[in-house]
């Protein structure tokens, strides 16, 4: 069975099922009907905040204050964004995480390079710059609970050599994204690494969705 046929069947099912449900719920008001429809369809379509070029892209995750305590968290964020960009056709030419790390180790005076210069050295047209503002796995220091919180600022920059390289947003501070995980006991089944992975996946998903069309209720 082809993908096109399956999608056609799914759309047909939605068209047929909704009237049937509405018949079964004659007393439902407009609000309930709208909620039912939203749940069935995934809600309204949300357009991308910014359309990336289909050109080489560097995802640069900057943690200048070394806030991220779990070493693999940044790699998880990068992978989640890259995977979703590939799946949703937002960008299929993301620079591998290892290539960026290799440049960090090998480039002379790397810390003095601008974001634009780093992207240029890796052969990209644009840079998705993510600056870490907060990262914690605990509700409060010493508490026997994991409760992750991960906040960043997001920008898109061009690697063209010009005075103003900002593409999106025009606000110099960048677009703020913050995600969290539920509170769970530290002596439970999940380790700090597990919580960091969950937190990183949530952040990566939230960042990626800025750049492709999606339904508002889709996870």
N, C-alpha and C. Protein backbone atom coordinates (compact mmCIF):
# COMPACT_ATOMS: atom_id res chain seq x y z
N UNK A 1 0.85 -1.19 0.00
CA UNK A 1 0.00 0.00 0.00
C UNK A 1 0.89 1.25 0.00
N UNK A 2 0.67 2.18 -0.90
CA UNK A 2 1.54 3.34 -1.01
C UNK A 2 1.25 4.36 0.07
N UNK A 3 2.25 5.25 0.30
CA UNK A 3 2.07 6.32 1.29
C UNK A 3 0.94 7.24 0.88
N UNK A 4 0.86 7.55 -0.46
CA UNK A 4 -0.18 8.45 -0.94
C UNK A 4 -1.57 7.88 -0.66
N UNK A 5 -1.72 6.55 -0.87
CA UNK A 5 -3.01 5.91 -0.64
C UNK A 5 -3.40 5.97 0.83
N UNK A 6 -2.40 5.71 1.72
CA UNK A 6 -2.65 5.76 3.17
C UNK A 6 -3.08 7.15 3.59
N UNK A 7 -2.40 8.19 3.07
CA UNK A 7 -2.74 9.56 3.44
C UNK A 7 -4.14 9.91 2.96
N UNK A 8 -4.49 9.44 1.75
CA UNK A 8 -5.82 9.71 1.22
C UNK A 8 -6.87 9.07 2.09
N UNK A 9 -6.63 7.81 2.54
CA UNK A 9 -7.57 7.12 3.42
C UNK A 9 -7.73 7.88 4.74
N UNK A 10 -6.60 8.41 5.26
CA UNK A 10 -6.64 9.14 6.53
C UNK A 10 -7.48 10.40 6.40
N UNK A 11 -7.29 11.13 5.30
CA UNK A 11 -8.07 12.34 5.09
C UNK A 11 -9.55 12.02 4.94
N UNK A 12 -9.85 10.95 4.20
CA UNK A 12 -11.24 10.54 4.01
C UNK A 12 -11.89 10.16 5.34
N UNK A 13 -11.12 9.46 6.17
CA UNK A 13 -11.64 9.05 7.48
C UNK A 13 -12.00 10.26 8.33
N UNK A 14 -11.15 11.30 8.28
CA UNK A 14 -11.41 12.51 9.05
C UNK A 14 -12.70 13.17 8.60
N UNK A 15 -12.90 13.21 7.27
CA UNK A 15 -14.09 13.83 6.72
C UNK A 15 -15.35 13.08 7.13
N UNK A 16 -15.26 11.75 7.15
CA UNK A 16 -16.43 10.93 7.47
C UNK A 16 -16.71 10.84 8.96
N UNK A 17 -15.63 10.80 9.78
CA UNK A 17 -15.80 10.59 11.21
C UNK A 17 -16.38 11.80 11.91
N UNK A 18 -15.96 13.01 11.54
CA UNK A 18 -16.43 14.20 12.24
C UNK A 18 -17.94 14.35 12.18
N UNK A 19 -18.59 14.27 10.99
CA UNK A 19 -20.06 14.38 10.98
C UNK A 19 -20.72 13.32 11.85
N UNK A 20 -20.18 12.10 11.84
CA UNK A 20 -20.76 11.03 12.64
C UNK A 20 -20.71 11.37 14.12
N UNK A 21 -19.58 11.94 14.56
CA UNK A 21 -19.45 12.30 15.97
C UNK A 21 -20.39 13.44 16.33
N UNK A 22 -20.54 14.38 15.40
CA UNK A 22 -21.42 15.50 15.68
C UNK A 22 -22.88 15.05 15.81
N UNK A 23 -23.26 14.03 15.05
CA UNK A 23 -24.60 13.47 15.16
C UNK A 23 -24.81 12.84 16.53
N UNK A 24 -23.74 12.19 17.02
CA UNK A 24 -23.83 11.54 18.33
C UNK A 24 -23.83 12.53 19.48
N UNK A 25 -23.40 13.79 19.19
CA UNK A 25 -23.34 14.80 20.24
C UNK A 25 -24.20 16.00 19.87
N UNK A 26 -25.52 15.81 19.76
CA UNK A 26 -26.39 16.89 19.31
C UNK A 26 -26.44 18.08 20.26
N UNK A 27 -26.12 17.86 21.52
CA UNK A 27 -26.21 18.95 22.49
C UNK A 27 -24.90 19.72 22.63
N UNK A 28 -23.88 19.29 21.92
CA UNK A 28 -22.58 19.96 22.05
C UNK A 28 -22.65 21.37 21.48
N UNK A 29 -22.07 22.33 22.19
CA UNK A 29 -22.05 23.71 21.73
C UNK A 29 -20.90 23.97 20.79
N UNK A 30 -20.78 25.23 20.37
CA UNK A 30 -19.72 25.60 19.42
C UNK A 30 -18.33 25.36 20.00
N UNK A 31 -18.18 25.66 21.29
CA UNK A 31 -16.86 25.51 21.92
C UNK A 31 -16.45 24.05 21.94
N UNK A 32 -17.38 23.16 22.33
CA UNK A 32 -17.07 21.74 22.38
C UNK A 32 -16.79 21.19 20.98
N UNK A 33 -17.56 21.65 20.00
CA UNK A 33 -17.37 21.20 18.63
C UNK A 33 -16.00 21.63 18.11
N UNK A 34 -15.64 22.87 18.40
CA UNK A 34 -14.33 23.38 17.96
C UNK A 34 -13.20 22.59 18.62
N UNK A 35 -13.37 22.27 19.91
CA UNK A 35 -12.34 21.50 20.62
C UNK A 35 -12.21 20.11 20.03
N UNK A 36 -13.36 19.51 19.70
CA UNK A 36 -13.35 18.18 19.11
C UNK A 36 -12.62 18.18 17.78
N UNK A 37 -12.92 19.17 16.97
CA UNK A 37 -12.28 19.27 15.65
C UNK A 37 -10.77 19.52 15.81
N UNK A 38 -10.39 20.37 16.76
CA UNK A 38 -8.97 20.67 16.98
C UNK A 38 -8.22 19.41 17.39
N UNK A 39 -8.82 18.62 18.28
CA UNK A 39 -8.17 17.39 18.72
C UNK A 39 -8.01 16.38 17.59
N UNK A 40 -9.00 16.35 16.69
CA UNK A 40 -8.94 15.41 15.57
C UNK A 40 -7.90 15.80 14.54
N UNK A 41 -7.78 17.12 14.29
CA UNK A 41 -6.90 17.59 13.21
C UNK A 41 -5.53 18.01 13.70
N UNK A 42 -5.37 18.17 15.01
CA UNK A 42 -4.09 18.66 15.54
C UNK A 42 -4.08 20.16 15.74
N UNK A 43 -5.24 20.81 15.55
CA UNK A 43 -5.31 22.26 15.76
C UNK A 43 -4.97 23.05 14.52
N UNK A 44 -4.89 24.36 14.71
CA UNK A 44 -4.60 25.26 13.59
C UNK A 44 -3.18 25.06 13.07
N UNK A 45 -3.01 25.41 11.81
CA UNK A 45 -1.68 25.35 11.20
C UNK A 45 -0.85 26.53 11.70
N UNK A 46 0.36 26.25 12.16
CA UNK A 46 1.28 27.29 12.62
C UNK A 46 2.41 27.39 11.59
N UNK A 47 2.54 28.56 10.98
CA UNK A 47 3.58 28.75 9.98
C UNK A 47 4.95 28.87 10.64
N UNK A 48 5.98 28.57 9.88
CA UNK A 48 7.35 28.71 10.38
C UNK A 48 7.62 30.18 10.73
N UNK A 49 8.32 30.38 11.82
CA UNK A 49 8.71 31.74 12.18
C UNK A 49 9.71 32.31 11.18
N UNK A 50 10.52 31.41 10.62
CA UNK A 50 11.52 31.83 9.63
C UNK A 50 11.84 30.64 8.74
N UNK A 51 11.92 30.86 7.44
CA UNK A 51 12.25 29.80 6.49
C UNK A 51 13.76 29.80 6.24
N UNK A 52 14.40 28.73 6.62
CA UNK A 52 15.84 28.61 6.40
C UNK A 52 16.15 28.34 4.94
N UNK A 53 17.32 28.75 4.51
CA UNK A 53 17.77 28.41 3.16
C UNK A 53 18.06 26.91 3.08
N UNK A 54 17.86 26.34 1.90
CA UNK A 54 18.22 24.94 1.72
C UNK A 54 19.69 24.91 1.27
N UNK A 55 20.53 25.32 2.16
CA UNK A 55 21.97 25.44 1.96
C UNK A 55 22.65 24.92 3.23
N UNK A 56 23.97 24.69 3.18
CA UNK A 56 24.66 24.25 4.39
C UNK A 56 24.35 25.15 5.60
N UNK A 57 24.04 24.52 6.72
CA UNK A 57 23.62 25.24 7.92
C UNK A 57 24.44 24.76 9.11
N UNK A 58 24.94 25.70 9.89
CA UNK A 58 25.62 25.37 11.15
C UNK A 58 24.65 25.61 12.30
N UNK A 59 24.45 24.59 13.12
CA UNK A 59 23.71 24.76 14.38
C UNK A 59 24.76 24.95 15.47
N UNK A 60 24.91 26.16 15.92
CA UNK A 60 25.95 26.51 16.89
C UNK A 60 25.32 26.71 18.26
N UNK A 61 25.57 25.77 19.16
CA UNK A 61 25.02 25.83 20.51
C UNK A 61 26.12 26.34 21.44
N UNK A 62 25.92 27.55 21.93
CA UNK A 62 26.94 28.25 22.70
C UNK A 62 26.59 28.23 24.18
N UNK A 63 27.51 27.75 24.99
CA UNK A 63 27.32 27.70 26.45
C UNK A 63 28.52 28.39 27.11
N UNK A 64 28.63 29.71 26.95
CA UNK A 64 29.82 30.42 27.42
C UNK A 64 30.04 30.37 28.93
N UNK A 65 28.96 30.19 29.68
CA UNK A 65 29.09 30.14 31.14
C UNK A 65 29.16 28.72 31.67
N UNK A 66 29.26 27.74 30.79
CA UNK A 66 29.35 26.32 31.17
C UNK A 66 28.21 25.93 32.12
N UNK A 67 27.00 26.27 31.74
CA UNK A 67 25.83 25.97 32.56
C UNK A 67 25.36 24.53 32.41
N UNK A 68 25.63 23.93 31.25
CA UNK A 68 25.15 22.58 30.97
C UNK A 68 26.07 21.56 31.64
N UNK A 69 25.56 20.94 32.70
CA UNK A 69 26.38 20.03 33.50
C UNK A 69 26.55 18.66 32.86
N UNK A 70 25.58 18.23 32.07
CA UNK A 70 25.65 16.92 31.43
C UNK A 70 26.31 17.05 30.06
N UNK A 71 27.50 16.47 29.85
CA UNK A 71 28.28 16.69 28.64
C UNK A 71 27.54 16.35 27.33
N UNK A 72 26.67 15.34 27.37
CA UNK A 72 26.02 14.91 26.13
C UNK A 72 24.76 15.69 25.78
N UNK A 73 24.35 16.60 26.67
CA UNK A 73 23.09 17.31 26.45
C UNK A 73 23.12 18.15 25.18
N UNK A 74 24.21 18.86 24.93
CA UNK A 74 24.29 19.71 23.74
C UNK A 74 24.26 18.87 22.47
N UNK A 75 24.91 17.73 22.51
CA UNK A 75 24.89 16.82 21.35
C UNK A 75 23.45 16.32 21.10
N UNK A 76 22.71 16.04 22.17
CA UNK A 76 21.32 15.59 22.03
C UNK A 76 20.46 16.68 21.39
N UNK A 77 20.66 17.93 21.83
CA UNK A 77 19.90 19.04 21.25
C UNK A 77 20.18 19.15 19.76
N UNK A 78 21.45 19.10 19.41
CA UNK A 78 21.85 19.20 18.01
C UNK A 78 21.23 18.08 17.18
N UNK A 79 21.27 16.87 17.69
CA UNK A 79 20.72 15.72 16.96
C UNK A 79 19.21 15.84 16.77
N UNK A 80 18.52 16.27 17.83
CA UNK A 80 17.06 16.40 17.73
C UNK A 80 16.68 17.41 16.67
N UNK A 81 17.34 18.55 16.67
CA UNK A 81 17.03 19.58 15.67
C UNK A 81 17.36 19.07 14.27
N UNK A 82 18.53 18.47 14.11
CA UNK A 82 18.94 17.95 12.80
C UNK A 82 17.97 16.91 12.27
N UNK A 83 17.55 15.99 13.14
CA UNK A 83 16.62 14.93 12.73
C UNK A 83 15.28 15.52 12.29
N UNK A 84 14.78 16.49 13.04
CA UNK A 84 13.49 17.09 12.67
C UNK A 84 13.59 17.92 11.40
N UNK A 85 14.69 18.62 11.23
CA UNK A 85 14.90 19.38 9.99
C UNK A 85 14.91 18.44 8.78
N UNK A 86 15.54 17.29 8.95
CA UNK A 86 15.59 16.30 7.88
C UNK A 86 14.19 15.75 7.61
N UNK A 87 13.48 15.38 8.66
CA UNK A 87 12.15 14.80 8.51
C UNK A 87 11.16 15.77 7.89
N UNK A 88 11.23 17.04 8.31
CA UNK A 88 10.26 18.04 7.85
C UNK A 88 10.76 18.86 6.67
N UNK A 89 11.91 18.49 6.14
CA UNK A 89 12.50 19.16 4.98
C UNK A 89 12.74 20.65 5.23
N UNK A 90 13.09 20.99 6.47
CA UNK A 90 13.44 22.37 6.79
C UNK A 90 14.86 22.68 6.36
N UNK A 91 15.74 21.70 6.51
CA UNK A 91 17.12 21.81 6.02
C UNK A 91 17.76 20.43 6.11
N UNK A 92 18.30 19.96 4.99
CA UNK A 92 18.90 18.63 4.94
C UNK A 92 20.43 18.69 4.88
N UNK A 93 20.99 19.85 5.14
CA UNK A 93 22.44 20.01 4.99
C UNK A 93 23.07 20.61 6.24
N UNK A 94 22.68 20.08 7.39
CA UNK A 94 23.22 20.55 8.66
C UNK A 94 24.65 20.03 8.84
N UNK A 95 25.54 20.91 9.25
CA UNK A 95 26.92 20.53 9.53
C UNK A 95 26.94 19.56 10.71
N UNK A 96 27.60 18.42 10.58
CA UNK A 96 27.64 17.45 11.70
C UNK A 96 28.23 18.07 12.97
N UNK A 97 27.70 17.65 14.10
CA UNK A 97 28.16 18.15 15.40
C UNK A 97 29.67 17.95 15.55
N UNK A 98 30.18 16.81 15.08
CA UNK A 98 31.60 16.49 15.22
C UNK A 98 32.48 17.46 14.43
N UNK A 99 31.99 17.95 13.29
CA UNK A 99 32.77 18.90 12.49
C UNK A 99 32.95 20.22 13.23
N UNK A 100 31.88 20.66 13.89
CA UNK A 100 31.97 21.89 14.67
C UNK A 100 32.93 21.71 15.84
N UNK A 101 32.84 20.57 16.55
CA UNK A 101 33.73 20.31 17.68
C UNK A 101 35.19 20.25 17.21
N UNK A 102 35.41 19.65 16.05
CA UNK A 102 36.76 19.55 15.51
C UNK A 102 37.33 20.94 15.24
N UNK A 103 36.50 21.84 14.71
CA UNK A 103 36.96 23.21 14.48
C UNK A 103 37.30 23.90 15.79
N UNK A 104 36.50 23.67 16.82
CA UNK A 104 36.79 24.24 18.13
C UNK A 104 38.18 23.85 18.62
N UNK A 105 38.52 22.59 18.39
CA UNK A 105 39.81 22.08 18.87
C UNK A 105 40.99 22.55 18.02
N UNK A 106 40.75 22.71 16.72
CA UNK A 106 41.87 22.95 15.81
C UNK A 106 42.08 24.41 15.41
N UNK A 107 41.04 25.20 15.44
CA UNK A 107 41.15 26.57 14.96
C UNK A 107 41.96 27.44 15.92
N UNK A 108 42.88 28.16 15.36
CA UNK A 108 43.69 29.06 16.17
C UNK A 108 42.82 30.23 16.62
N UNK A 109 42.90 30.55 17.91
CA UNK A 109 42.11 31.64 18.48
C UNK A 109 40.61 31.47 18.20
N UNK A 110 40.12 30.26 18.37
CA UNK A 110 38.70 30.00 18.11
C UNK A 110 37.80 30.93 18.92
N UNK A 111 38.14 31.17 20.18
CA UNK A 111 37.30 31.98 21.06
C UNK A 111 37.16 33.42 20.59
N UNK A 112 38.06 33.85 19.69
CA UNK A 112 37.99 35.21 19.18
C UNK A 112 37.23 35.31 17.86
N UNK A 113 36.83 34.16 17.32
CA UNK A 113 36.08 34.18 16.07
C UNK A 113 34.64 34.62 16.32
N UNK A 114 34.08 35.37 15.38
CA UNK A 114 32.67 35.74 15.47
C UNK A 114 31.81 34.56 15.03
N UNK A 115 30.52 34.62 15.32
CA UNK A 115 29.60 33.56 14.89
C UNK A 115 29.65 33.46 13.36
N UNK A 116 29.65 34.60 12.70
CA UNK A 116 29.70 34.60 11.23
C UNK A 116 30.95 33.92 10.72
N UNK A 117 32.09 34.19 11.34
CA UNK A 117 33.36 33.60 10.90
C UNK A 117 33.39 32.10 11.12
N UNK A 118 32.80 31.63 12.22
CA UNK A 118 32.75 30.19 12.48
C UNK A 118 31.94 29.50 11.38
N UNK A 119 30.78 30.07 11.07
CA UNK A 119 29.97 29.50 10.00
C UNK A 119 30.68 29.52 8.67
N UNK A 120 31.37 30.60 8.39
CA UNK A 120 32.11 30.72 7.12
C UNK A 120 33.20 29.66 7.03
N UNK A 121 33.92 29.44 8.13
CA UNK A 121 34.99 28.44 8.12
C UNK A 121 34.45 27.03 7.88
N UNK A 122 33.20 26.79 8.27
CA UNK A 122 32.59 25.47 8.07
C UNK A 122 31.79 25.40 6.77
N UNK A 123 31.90 26.45 5.95
CA UNK A 123 31.31 26.42 4.62
C UNK A 123 29.80 26.58 4.59
N UNK A 124 29.22 27.28 5.57
CA UNK A 124 27.76 27.42 5.61
C UNK A 124 27.31 28.79 5.13
N UNK A 125 26.04 28.85 4.74
CA UNK A 125 25.43 30.11 4.32
C UNK A 125 24.73 30.79 5.49
N UNK A 126 24.24 29.98 6.43
CA UNK A 126 23.53 30.51 7.58
C UNK A 126 23.97 29.78 8.85
N UNK A 127 23.75 30.45 9.98
CA UNK A 127 24.05 29.87 11.29
C UNK A 127 22.80 29.97 12.16
N UNK A 128 22.37 28.83 12.68
CA UNK A 128 21.32 28.82 13.70
C UNK A 128 22.06 28.86 15.04
N UNK A 129 22.03 30.03 15.67
CA UNK A 129 22.80 30.25 16.88
C UNK A 129 21.90 30.10 18.10
N UNK A 130 22.30 29.23 19.02
CA UNK A 130 21.53 28.95 20.23
C UNK A 130 22.43 29.22 21.43
N UNK A 131 22.05 30.20 22.22
CA UNK A 131 22.86 30.56 23.40
C UNK A 131 22.15 30.08 24.66
N UNK A 132 22.85 29.29 25.44
CA UNK A 132 22.29 28.74 26.69
C UNK A 132 22.19 29.85 27.73
N UNK A 133 20.99 30.00 28.31
CA UNK A 133 20.77 30.99 29.36
C UNK A 133 20.55 30.34 30.74
N UNK A 134 20.01 29.11 30.73
CA UNK A 134 19.79 28.41 32.00
C UNK A 134 19.73 26.91 31.73
N UNK A 135 20.32 26.15 32.63
CA UNK A 135 20.23 24.69 32.58
C UNK A 135 20.34 24.15 33.99
N UNK A 136 19.32 23.42 34.41
CA UNK A 136 19.38 22.78 35.72
C UNK A 136 18.56 21.50 35.68
N UNK A 137 18.96 20.54 36.49
CA UNK A 137 18.23 19.28 36.59
C UNK A 137 17.47 19.17 37.91
N UNK A 138 17.65 20.13 38.80
CA UNK A 138 17.05 20.06 40.13
C UNK A 138 16.15 21.26 40.40
N UNK A 139 15.05 21.00 41.14
CA UNK A 139 14.13 22.08 41.48
C UNK A 139 14.85 23.15 42.29
N UNK A 140 15.70 22.72 43.19
CA UNK A 140 16.53 23.63 43.98
C UNK A 140 17.75 22.85 44.48
N UNK A 141 18.85 23.53 44.74
CA UNK A 141 20.07 22.84 45.16
C UNK A 141 19.83 21.94 46.37
N UNK A 142 20.26 20.69 46.28
CA UNK A 142 20.16 19.76 47.39
C UNK A 142 18.82 19.07 47.53
N UNK A 143 17.83 19.48 46.73
CA UNK A 143 16.50 18.85 46.83
C UNK A 143 16.54 17.45 46.24
N UNK A 144 15.82 16.49 46.85
CA UNK A 144 15.84 15.11 46.35
C UNK A 144 14.89 14.91 45.16
N UNK A 145 14.83 15.92 44.30
CA UNK A 145 13.95 15.88 43.14
C UNK A 145 14.69 16.32 41.89
N UNK A 146 14.42 15.60 40.80
CA UNK A 146 14.82 16.10 39.50
C UNK A 146 13.68 16.95 38.96
N UNK A 147 13.99 18.13 38.48
CA UNK A 147 13.03 18.97 37.77
C UNK A 147 13.82 19.84 36.81
N UNK A 148 13.92 19.36 35.58
CA UNK A 148 14.77 20.02 34.60
C UNK A 148 14.21 21.34 34.09
N UNK A 149 15.12 22.25 33.77
CA UNK A 149 14.77 23.54 33.18
C UNK A 149 15.88 23.93 32.21
N UNK A 150 15.50 24.22 30.99
CA UNK A 150 16.48 24.52 29.94
C UNK A 150 15.96 25.73 29.16
N UNK A 151 16.71 26.84 29.20
CA UNK A 151 16.31 28.06 28.50
C UNK A 151 17.43 28.53 27.58
N UNK A 152 17.05 28.99 26.40
CA UNK A 152 18.03 29.47 25.43
C UNK A 152 17.48 30.70 24.70
N UNK A 153 18.36 31.37 23.97
CA UNK A 153 17.99 32.42 23.04
C UNK A 153 18.43 31.96 21.64
N UNK A 154 17.55 32.14 20.67
CA UNK A 154 17.78 31.61 19.32
C UNK A 154 17.84 32.73 18.30
N UNK A 155 18.81 32.64 17.40
CA UNK A 155 18.94 33.61 16.30
C UNK A 155 19.32 32.86 15.02
N UNK A 156 19.04 33.49 13.88
CA UNK A 156 19.56 33.01 12.60
C UNK A 156 20.40 34.14 12.01
N UNK A 157 21.62 33.79 11.64
CA UNK A 157 22.57 34.77 11.10
C UNK A 157 23.05 34.32 9.73
N UNK A 158 23.41 35.28 8.89
CA UNK A 158 24.03 34.96 7.62
C UNK A 158 25.55 34.97 7.77
N UNK A 159 26.24 34.25 6.92
CA UNK A 159 27.71 34.28 6.94
C UNK A 159 28.26 35.26 5.89
N UNK A 160 27.37 36.01 5.26
CA UNK A 160 27.83 37.03 4.32
C UNK A 160 28.65 38.08 5.07
N UNK A 161 29.63 38.62 4.38
CA UNK A 161 30.48 39.64 5.01
C UNK A 161 29.83 41.01 4.87
N UNK A 162 29.05 41.36 5.88
CA UNK A 162 28.38 42.66 5.90
C UNK A 162 28.21 43.09 7.35
N UNK A 163 27.98 44.39 7.59
CA UNK A 163 27.93 44.90 8.97
C UNK A 163 26.87 44.25 9.85
N UNK A 164 25.66 44.06 9.32
CA UNK A 164 24.58 43.48 10.11
C UNK A 164 24.25 42.10 9.55
N UNK A 165 24.58 41.06 10.30
CA UNK A 165 24.38 39.69 9.81
C UNK A 165 23.12 39.05 10.36
N UNK A 166 22.34 39.79 11.13
CA UNK A 166 21.11 39.23 11.71
C UNK A 166 20.05 39.03 10.63
N UNK A 167 19.46 37.83 10.62
CA UNK A 167 18.36 37.53 9.70
C UNK A 167 17.04 37.42 10.45
N UNK A 168 17.06 36.72 11.58
CA UNK A 168 15.85 36.54 12.40
C UNK A 168 16.25 36.20 13.83
N UNK A 169 15.55 36.73 14.82
CA UNK A 169 14.65 37.88 14.71
C UNK A 169 15.47 39.16 14.64
N UNK A 170 14.82 40.28 14.42
CA UNK A 170 15.56 41.54 14.37
C UNK A 170 15.99 41.97 15.77
N UNK A 171 15.31 41.47 16.78
CA UNK A 171 15.69 41.73 18.17
C UNK A 171 17.07 41.14 18.43
N UNK A 172 17.98 41.93 18.86
CA UNK A 172 19.36 41.47 19.04
C UNK A 172 19.48 40.36 20.08
N UNK A 173 18.59 40.36 21.07
CA UNK A 173 18.67 39.35 22.13
C UNK A 173 18.31 37.96 21.63
N UNK A 174 17.50 37.86 20.58
CA UNK A 174 17.10 36.57 20.06
C UNK A 174 15.75 36.12 20.60
N UNK A 175 15.25 35.04 20.04
CA UNK A 175 13.95 34.48 20.42
C UNK A 175 14.14 33.53 21.60
N UNK A 176 13.38 33.73 22.66
CA UNK A 176 13.55 32.94 23.88
C UNK A 176 12.74 31.65 23.80
N UNK A 177 13.38 30.55 24.15
CA UNK A 177 12.71 29.25 24.27
C UNK A 177 13.07 28.67 25.64
N UNK A 178 12.04 28.17 26.34
CA UNK A 178 12.27 27.56 27.64
C UNK A 178 11.41 26.31 27.77
N UNK A 179 12.01 25.22 28.21
CA UNK A 179 11.28 23.96 28.42
C UNK A 179 11.63 23.43 29.80
N UNK A 180 10.77 22.52 30.30
CA UNK A 180 11.01 21.94 31.62
C UNK A 180 10.49 20.51 31.65
N UNK A 181 10.90 19.77 32.66
CA UNK A 181 10.40 18.42 32.88
C UNK A 181 9.68 18.37 34.22
N UNK A 182 8.82 17.38 34.38
CA UNK A 182 8.08 17.22 35.63
C UNK A 182 9.03 16.82 36.77
N UNK A 183 8.62 17.16 37.98
CA UNK A 183 9.41 16.79 39.16
C UNK A 183 9.27 15.29 39.44
N UNK A 184 10.42 14.64 39.62
CA UNK A 184 10.43 13.21 39.96
C UNK A 184 11.51 12.97 41.01
N UNK A 185 11.35 11.95 41.87
CA UNK A 185 12.35 11.68 42.91
C UNK A 185 13.70 11.28 42.30
N UNK A 186 14.76 11.71 42.93
CA UNK A 186 16.10 11.37 42.45
C UNK A 186 16.43 9.90 42.68
N UNK A 187 15.70 9.24 43.58
CA UNK A 187 15.98 7.82 43.85
C UNK A 187 15.04 6.90 43.06
N UNK A 188 14.41 7.44 42.04
CA UNK A 188 13.52 6.65 41.19
C UNK A 188 14.27 5.95 40.07
N UNK A 189 13.51 5.59 39.02
CA UNK A 189 14.08 4.83 37.90
C UNK A 189 14.96 5.68 36.98
N UNK A 190 14.76 6.99 36.98
CA UNK A 190 15.50 7.85 36.05
C UNK A 190 16.73 8.46 36.69
N UNK A 191 17.81 8.47 35.91
CA UNK A 191 19.07 9.07 36.36
C UNK A 191 19.15 10.51 35.87
N UNK A 192 20.19 11.22 36.32
CA UNK A 192 20.41 12.59 35.86
C UNK A 192 20.60 12.62 34.35
N UNK A 193 21.29 11.61 33.81
CA UNK A 193 21.51 11.54 32.36
C UNK A 193 20.19 11.37 31.61
N UNK A 194 19.28 10.57 32.17
CA UNK A 194 17.96 10.38 31.55
C UNK A 194 17.18 11.69 31.52
N UNK A 195 17.19 12.42 32.62
CA UNK A 195 16.47 13.68 32.70
C UNK A 195 17.08 14.70 31.73
N UNK A 196 18.40 14.73 31.65
CA UNK A 196 19.07 15.65 30.72
C UNK A 196 18.71 15.32 29.28
N UNK A 197 18.61 14.02 28.98
CA UNK A 197 18.22 13.61 27.62
C UNK A 197 16.79 14.05 27.31
N UNK A 198 15.87 13.83 28.24
CA UNK A 198 14.48 14.27 28.05
C UNK A 198 14.41 15.78 27.84
N UNK A 199 15.14 16.50 28.67
CA UNK A 199 15.14 17.96 28.60
C UNK A 199 15.71 18.44 27.26
N UNK A 200 16.79 17.80 26.82
CA UNK A 200 17.43 18.18 25.56
C UNK A 200 16.54 17.89 24.36
N UNK A 201 15.84 16.76 24.42
CA UNK A 201 14.91 16.43 23.33
C UNK A 201 13.76 17.43 23.26
N UNK A 202 13.25 17.83 24.41
CA UNK A 202 12.17 18.81 24.43
C UNK A 202 12.63 20.15 23.88
N UNK A 203 13.83 20.55 24.27
CA UNK A 203 14.36 21.83 23.78
C UNK A 203 14.61 21.76 22.27
N UNK A 204 15.24 20.68 21.82
CA UNK A 204 15.51 20.54 20.40
C UNK A 204 14.24 20.59 19.57
N UNK A 205 13.18 19.92 20.06
CA UNK A 205 11.90 19.92 19.37
C UNK A 205 11.30 21.32 19.32
N UNK A 206 11.36 22.04 20.44
CA UNK A 206 10.80 23.39 20.51
C UNK A 206 11.54 24.34 19.57
N UNK A 207 12.85 24.20 19.49
CA UNK A 207 13.63 25.06 18.58
C UNK A 207 13.34 24.69 17.13
N UNK A 208 13.35 23.42 16.81
CA UNK A 208 13.14 22.98 15.43
C UNK A 208 11.80 23.46 14.88
N UNK A 209 10.75 23.42 15.70
CA UNK A 209 9.41 23.79 15.26
C UNK A 209 9.29 25.26 14.85
N UNK A 210 10.26 26.06 15.25
CA UNK A 210 10.25 27.46 14.82
C UNK A 210 10.43 27.59 13.31
N UNK A 211 10.98 26.54 12.69
CA UNK A 211 11.43 26.67 11.32
C UNK A 211 10.70 25.77 10.32
N UNK A 212 9.59 25.17 10.74
CA UNK A 212 8.77 24.43 9.78
C UNK A 212 7.29 24.54 10.17
N UNK A 213 6.44 24.41 9.17
CA UNK A 213 5.00 24.44 9.41
C UNK A 213 4.54 23.22 10.19
N UNK A 214 3.64 23.42 11.15
CA UNK A 214 3.16 22.32 11.96
C UNK A 214 1.76 22.64 12.51
N UNK A 215 1.14 21.66 13.11
CA UNK A 215 -0.14 21.86 13.77
C UNK A 215 0.12 22.24 15.24
N UNK A 216 -0.68 23.16 15.77
CA UNK A 216 -0.40 23.70 17.11
C UNK A 216 -0.48 22.66 18.20
N UNK A 217 -1.29 21.60 18.03
CA UNK A 217 -1.43 20.60 19.09
C UNK A 217 -0.55 19.39 18.88
N UNK A 218 0.20 19.36 17.79
CA UNK A 218 1.08 18.21 17.53
C UNK A 218 2.26 18.24 18.47
N UNK A 219 2.61 17.08 19.01
CA UNK A 219 3.78 16.99 19.89
C UNK A 219 5.03 16.73 19.07
